[in-house]
Amino acid sequence: MPEGRLTPLHVVLFIATCLSTLVAGAMMQGVVPWQTPRMLVKGIPFSVSLMTILLTHEMGHYLMSRRHGTPASLPYFIPAPSLVGTFGAVIRMRPPIIHSRALMDIGAAGPLAGFVVSIAATIIGLNYSPVSLSFGAPPPDSFYLGDSLIFKLLTWLVLGVDPATHDVMLHPVAFAGWIGFFITTLNLLPVGQLDGGHICYALFGPERHGKISKLMIPVLLVLGFFFWPGWAVWGALLMILGRKHPPVELPWIMLDPMRRNVGWASLAVFALTFTPAPFSGF
């Protein structure tokens, strides 16, 4: 099957994920889909925002892969019966990647593009998000979202309040932006063949990549014990998937200054979007 070809599976998964995120978005608005299916339209703002973020992220990878002649598939979206209706999207690439410059371009394009769209969604959604003074524990059947540095900054710029002292009831579009930041964090973890692993390999070389990948597993397990159990799940999953990264074809071609700056910018984005406890109050 030619790489980059749109297949029936791509179409089915895309439509299914549109529907699953639509249902998730509607349920956030208190809709019971099987009782009032007409009210599913309330899920459109969340679904469109999140699907745009995911599509932008994956197309960043895809377009850079094509630019450097690396065979890659179009995005496969993953519908799921989860809080947000999806487990994200992936593309398949056939290694090896030719050199570190291509590796940096391919690895960084997705999270950086998704990060920009997530900022836009967050700004738009925060303008429609009600604010109240914080009075401690969340009410029953609700939960708190952790505040990354970028989300705190945007909340202060748009609403003029400190998330530590005020409760912001996120509009679905703002919540999609928050999820976009969280997805960016997960992808930028400097482990194995995640986007962050690609960037780490291109920026620091194979030896340091191996050491950083190895170190991140216990770090995730510790974060899972003290902050959010999901980090431990990720650590266990990455142990199964592996910490190694395949070599590039032309290792003597080094990063140019511009791509090195892109690598450091990607690490800065990871710091901006990371939160030790993304979810609490379940």
Protein backbone atom coordinates (compact mmCIF):
# COMPACT_ATOMS: atom_id res chain seq x y z
CA MET A 1 0.00 0.00 0.00
CA PRO A 2 1.53 3.36 -0.98
CA GLU A 3 2.50 5.56 1.95
CA GLY A 4 0.38 8.66 2.39
CA ARG A 5 -2.65 7.12 0.70
CA LEU A 6 -6.10 7.81 2.18
CA THR A 7 -7.70 4.45 2.98
CA PRO A 8 -11.19 3.44 4.16
CA LEU A 9 -9.70 2.75 7.60
CA HIS A 10 -8.51 6.37 7.87
CA VAL A 11 -11.99 7.62 6.99
CA VAL A 12 -13.81 5.26 9.36
CA LEU A 13 -11.52 6.08 12.29
CA PHE A 14 -11.77 9.81 11.61
CA ILE A 15 -15.60 9.73 11.51
CA ALA A 16 -15.73 7.50 14.60
CA THR A 17 -13.46 9.86 16.51
CA CYS A 18 -15.53 12.87 15.44
CA LEU A 19 -18.59 11.11 16.83
CA SER A 20 -16.91 9.96 20.06
CA THR A 21 -15.54 13.45 20.79
CA LEU A 22 -18.94 14.92 19.90
CA VAL A 23 -20.60 12.65 22.48
CA ALA A 24 -17.92 13.48 25.06
CA GLY A 25 -18.36 17.20 24.46
CA ALA A 26 -22.14 16.96 24.75
CA MET A 27 -21.93 14.98 27.98
CA MET A 28 -19.73 17.72 29.44
CA GLN A 29 -22.71 20.00 28.89
CA GLY A 30 -25.03 17.66 30.80
CA VAL A 31 -26.53 15.99 27.73
CA VAL A 32 -27.58 12.35 28.01
CA PRO A 33 -27.06 11.27 24.37
CA TRP A 34 -29.40 8.25 24.38
CA GLN A 35 -32.21 10.33 25.87
CA THR A 36 -31.86 13.55 23.84
CA PRO A 37 -29.77 12.75 20.74
CA ARG A 38 -30.74 16.09 19.17
CA MET A 39 -28.74 17.85 21.89
CA LEU A 40 -25.51 16.28 20.65
CA VAL A 41 -24.96 19.55 18.80
CA LYS A 42 -23.78 20.95 22.13
CA GLY A 43 -20.67 18.82 21.73
CA ILE A 44 -19.62 20.48 18.48
CA PRO A 45 -17.39 23.24 19.97
CA PHE A 46 -15.34 20.72 21.95
CA SER A 47 -15.18 18.14 19.16
CA VAL A 48 -14.15 20.58 16.43
CA SER A 49 -11.53 22.22 18.67
CA LEU A 50 -9.94 18.97 19.82
CA MET A 51 -10.00 17.35 16.38
CA THR A 52 -8.36 20.45 14.91
CA ILE A 53 -5.58 20.28 17.51
CA LEU A 54 -4.99 16.57 16.89
CA LEU A 55 -5.10 16.94 13.11
CA THR A 56 -2.68 19.88 13.18
CA HIS A 57 -0.26 17.92 15.38
CA GLU A 58 -0.25 14.82 13.19
CA MET A 59 -0.14 16.73 9.90
CA GLY A 60 2.93 18.56 11.20
CA HIS A 61 4.66 15.17 11.45
CA TYR A 62 3.26 13.98 8.14
CA LEU A 63 4.26 17.01 6.09
CA MET A 64 7.78 17.08 7.50
CA SER A 65 8.12 13.34 6.87
CA ARG A 66 7.16 13.86 3.24
CA ARG A 67 9.51 16.82 2.95
CA HIS A 68 12.45 14.66 4.00
CA GLY A 69 11.43 11.60 1.99
CA THR A 70 10.52 9.49 5.02
CA PRO A 71 7.60 7.17 4.19
CA ALA A 72 4.67 8.06 6.45
CA SER A 73 0.97 7.32 6.59
CA LEU A 74 -1.83 9.80 7.00
CA PRO A 75 -3.10 10.12 10.61
CA TYR A 76 -5.01 7.27 12.21
CA PHE A 77 -7.42 8.72 14.78
CA ILE A 78 -8.28 6.62 17.83
CA PRO A 79 -11.85 6.86 19.18
CA ALA A 80 -12.33 5.87 22.80
CA PRO A 81 -15.02 5.80 25.49
CA SER A 82 -13.04 8.24 27.62
CA LEU A 83 -13.51 11.63 29.22
CA VAL A 84 -12.54 13.35 25.94
CA GLY A 85 -13.71 10.67 23.50
CA THR A 86 -10.32 9.78 22.03
CA PHE A 87 -6.86 8.43 22.73
CA GLY A 88 -5.39 10.82 20.16
CA ALA A 89 -4.02 10.03 16.72
CA VAL A 90 -0.88 8.49 15.25
CA ILE A 91 0.95 8.24 11.97
CA ARG A 92 3.11 5.35 10.89
CA MET A 93 6.64 6.12 9.71
CA ARG A 94 9.04 3.66 8.17
CA PRO A 95 12.59 4.12 9.53
CA PRO A 96 15.36 4.94 9.15
CA ILE A 97 15.23 8.72 9.13
CA ILE A 98 18.02 10.14 7.01
CA HIS A 99 19.79 12.48 9.47
CA SER A 100 19.38 14.47 12.69
CA ARG A 101 18.08 17.53 10.86
CA ALA A 102 15.19 15.54 9.42
CA LEU A 103 14.64 13.88 12.80
CA MET A 104 14.37 17.27 14.49
CA ASP A 105 11.98 18.61 11.86
CA ILE A 106 9.73 15.56 12.03
CA GLY A 107 9.80 15.25 15.81
CA ALA A 108 9.24 18.92 16.64
CA ALA A 109 6.74 19.88 13.92
CA GLY A 110 3.80 18.01 15.48
CA PRO A 111 3.96 19.21 19.10
CA LEU A 112 4.90 22.79 18.15
CA ALA A 113 2.04 23.06 15.63
CA GLY A 114 -0.43 21.53 18.08
CA PHE A 115 0.84 23.84 20.82
CA VAL A 116 0.07 26.93 18.75
CA VAL A 117 -3.48 25.76 17.97
CA SER A 118 -3.99 24.84 21.64
CA ILE A 119 -3.04 28.40 22.62
CA ALA A 120 -5.62 29.77 20.20
CA ALA A 121 -8.34 27.40 21.48
CA THR A 122 -7.54 28.26 25.10
CA ILE A 123 -7.70 32.01 24.50
CA ILE A 124 -11.01 31.72 22.66
CA GLY A 125 -12.52 29.39 25.25
CA LEU A 126 -11.37 31.36 28.29
CA ASN A 127 -13.31 34.36 27.05
CA TYR A 128 -16.50 32.29 27.57
CA SER A 129 -15.46 30.62 30.84
CA PRO A 130 -17.20 31.76 34.06
CA VAL A 131 -15.02 32.55 37.08
CA SER A 132 -15.72 32.34 40.80
CA LEU A 133 -13.65 32.55 43.98
CA SER A 134 -12.17 29.23 45.04
CA PHE A 135 -13.69 27.71 48.17
CA GLY A 136 -11.68 24.53 48.54
CA ALA A 137 -12.82 21.06 47.48
CA PRO A 138 -14.72 20.68 44.20
CA PRO A 139 -18.43 19.86 44.37
CA PRO A 140 -19.56 16.22 43.93
CA ASP A 141 -19.17 14.71 40.44
CA SER A 142 -16.59 17.33 39.45
CA PHE A 143 -12.81 17.48 39.36
CA TYR A 144 -9.93 19.91 39.15
CA LEU A 145 -7.49 20.25 36.28
CA GLY A 146 -3.87 21.00 37.05
CA ASP A 147 -2.52 24.32 35.82
CA SER A 148 0.57 24.27 33.64
CA LEU A 149 2.67 27.42 33.40
CA ILE A 150 1.22 28.28 29.99
CA PHE A 151 -2.36 27.77 31.18
CA LYS A 152 -1.77 29.95 34.26
CA LEU A 153 -0.29 32.66 32.05
CA LEU A 154 -3.16 32.58 29.56
CA THR A 155 -5.74 32.58 32.35
CA TRP A 156 -4.13 35.65 33.88
CA LEU A 157 -3.83 37.43 30.50
CA VAL A 158 -7.38 36.67 29.34
CA LEU A 159 -9.35 36.70 32.60
CA GLY A 160 -7.06 38.69 34.89
CA VAL A 161 -7.32 36.10 37.70
CA ASP A 162 -4.99 33.67 39.44
CA PRO A 163 -6.16 30.04 38.99
CA ALA A 164 -4.83 29.32 42.49
CA THR A 165 -7.42 31.64 44.05
CA HIS A 166 -10.27 31.38 41.55
CA ASP A 167 -12.26 28.53 40.03
CA VAL A 168 -12.52 28.78 36.25
CA MET A 169 -15.33 26.68 34.79
CA LEU A 170 -13.76 25.95 31.45
CA HIS A 171 -15.79 26.40 28.29
CA PRO A 172 -15.50 23.27 26.11
CA VAL A 173 -13.18 25.07 23.67
CA ALA A 174 -10.87 26.08 26.53
CA PHE A 175 -10.97 22.50 27.82
CA ALA A 176 -9.95 21.28 24.37
CA GLY A 177 -7.02 23.71 24.56
CA TRP A 178 -6.09 22.29 27.97
CA ILE A 179 -6.21 18.77 26.54
CA GLY A 180 -4.03 19.98 23.66
CA PHE A 181 -1.39 21.15 26.15
CA PHE A 182 -1.59 17.83 27.99
CA ILE A 183 -1.17 15.90 24.73
CA THR A 184 1.84 18.08 23.94
CA THR A 185 3.38 17.17 27.30
CA LEU A 186 2.89 13.45 26.76
CA ASN A 187 4.37 13.58 23.28
CA LEU A 188 7.37 15.64 24.39
CA LEU A 189 8.45 13.21 27.10
CA PRO A 190 12.12 12.58 26.20
CA VAL A 191 11.81 8.81 26.00
CA GLY A 192 12.35 6.29 23.23
CA GLN A 193 10.61 7.15 19.98
CA LEU A 194 8.11 9.67 21.32
CA ASP A 195 8.35 13.13 19.76
CA GLY A 196 10.45 14.20 22.73
CA GLY A 197 12.66 11.16 22.17
CA HIS A 198 13.24 12.19 18.54
CA ILE A 199 14.14 15.70 19.64
CA CYS A 200 16.40 14.45 22.44
CA TYR A 201 18.22 12.09 20.05
CA ALA A 202 18.75 14.83 17.45
CA LEU A 203 19.81 17.42 20.04
CA PHE A 204 22.04 15.36 22.33
CA GLY A 205 23.03 12.27 20.34
CA PRO A 206 22.34 8.55 20.87
CA GLU A 207 24.37 8.07 24.06
CA ARG A 208 22.75 10.90 26.00
CA HIS A 209 19.36 10.00 24.58
CA GLY A 210 19.76 6.51 26.05
CA LYS A 211 20.69 7.89 29.48
CA ILE A 212 17.85 10.41 29.52
CA SER A 213 15.32 7.78 28.38
CA LYS A 214 16.50 5.41 31.09
CA LEU A 215 16.26 8.14 33.75
CA MET A 216 12.75 9.20 32.74
CA ILE A 217 11.19 5.82 33.60
CA PRO A 218 11.85 6.03 37.38
CA VAL A 219 10.96 9.74 37.27
CA LEU A 220 7.54 8.86 35.82
CA LEU A 221 7.05 6.13 38.42
CA VAL A 222 7.85 8.58 41.23
CA LEU A 223 5.50 11.18 39.75
CA GLY A 224 2.84 8.49 39.57
CA PHE A 225 3.27 7.64 43.24
CA PHE A 226 3.21 11.20 44.56
CA PHE A 227 1.07 13.16 42.08
CA TRP A 228 -0.98 11.33 39.42
CA PRO A 229 -1.15 7.54 38.88
CA GLY A 230 -1.28 8.04 35.12
CA TRP A 231 2.42 8.90 35.09
CA ALA A 232 3.23 5.45 36.49
CA VAL A 233 1.05 3.88 33.79
CA TRP A 234 3.00 5.82 31.17
CA GLY A 235 6.29 4.71 32.73
CA ALA A 236 5.20 1.06 32.64
CA LEU A 237 3.95 1.40 29.07
CA LEU A 238 7.21 2.97 27.92
CA MET A 239 9.16 0.13 29.53
CA ILE A 240 7.14 -2.26 27.36
CA LEU A 241 7.45 -0.17 24.17
CA GLY A 242 11.17 0.31 24.74
CA ARG A 243 13.53 3.19 25.43
CA LYS A 244 15.80 2.71 22.41
CA HIS A 245 15.83 4.86 19.29
CA PRO A 246 16.89 3.60 15.84
CA PRO A 247 19.99 5.30 14.41
CA VAL A 248 19.79 7.85 11.61
CA GLU A 249 21.30 6.94 8.23
CA LEU A 250 23.80 9.81 8.08
CA PRO A 251 24.93 10.45 11.67
CA TRP A 252 27.74 12.81 10.61
CA ILE A 253 25.23 15.43 9.42
CA MET A 254 24.74 17.54 12.53
CA LEU A 255 22.04 20.01 13.49
CA ASP A 256 22.37 23.54 12.17
CA PRO A 257 21.88 26.46 14.63
CA MET A 258 18.26 27.03 13.60
CA ARG A 259 17.24 23.44 14.27
CA ARG A 260 19.18 23.40 17.52
CA ASN A 261 17.11 26.40 18.59
CA VAL A 262 13.95 24.53 17.57
CA GLY A 263 15.05 21.68 19.84
CA TRP A 264 15.56 23.98 22.81
CA ALA A 265 12.25 25.69 22.06
CA SER A 266 10.53 22.29 22.12
CA LEU A 267 12.03 21.54 25.53
CA ALA A 268 10.78 24.94 26.71
CA VAL A 269 7.28 24.03 25.46
CA PHE A 270 7.51 20.79 27.45
CA ALA A 271 8.31 22.80 30.59
CA LEU A 272 5.47 25.23 29.86
CA THR A 273 2.84 22.54 29.36
CA PHE A 274 3.88 20.08 32.07
CA THR A 275 1.86 19.74 35.28
CA PRO A 276 2.69 17.13 37.94
CA ALA A 277 -0.98 16.49 38.82
CA PRO A 278 -3.11 17.00 35.68
CA PHE A 279 -6.29 15.59 37.23
CA SER A 280 -7.58 15.53 40.79
CA GLY A 281 -10.88 15.25 42.62
CA PHE A 282 -12.25 12.21 40.79
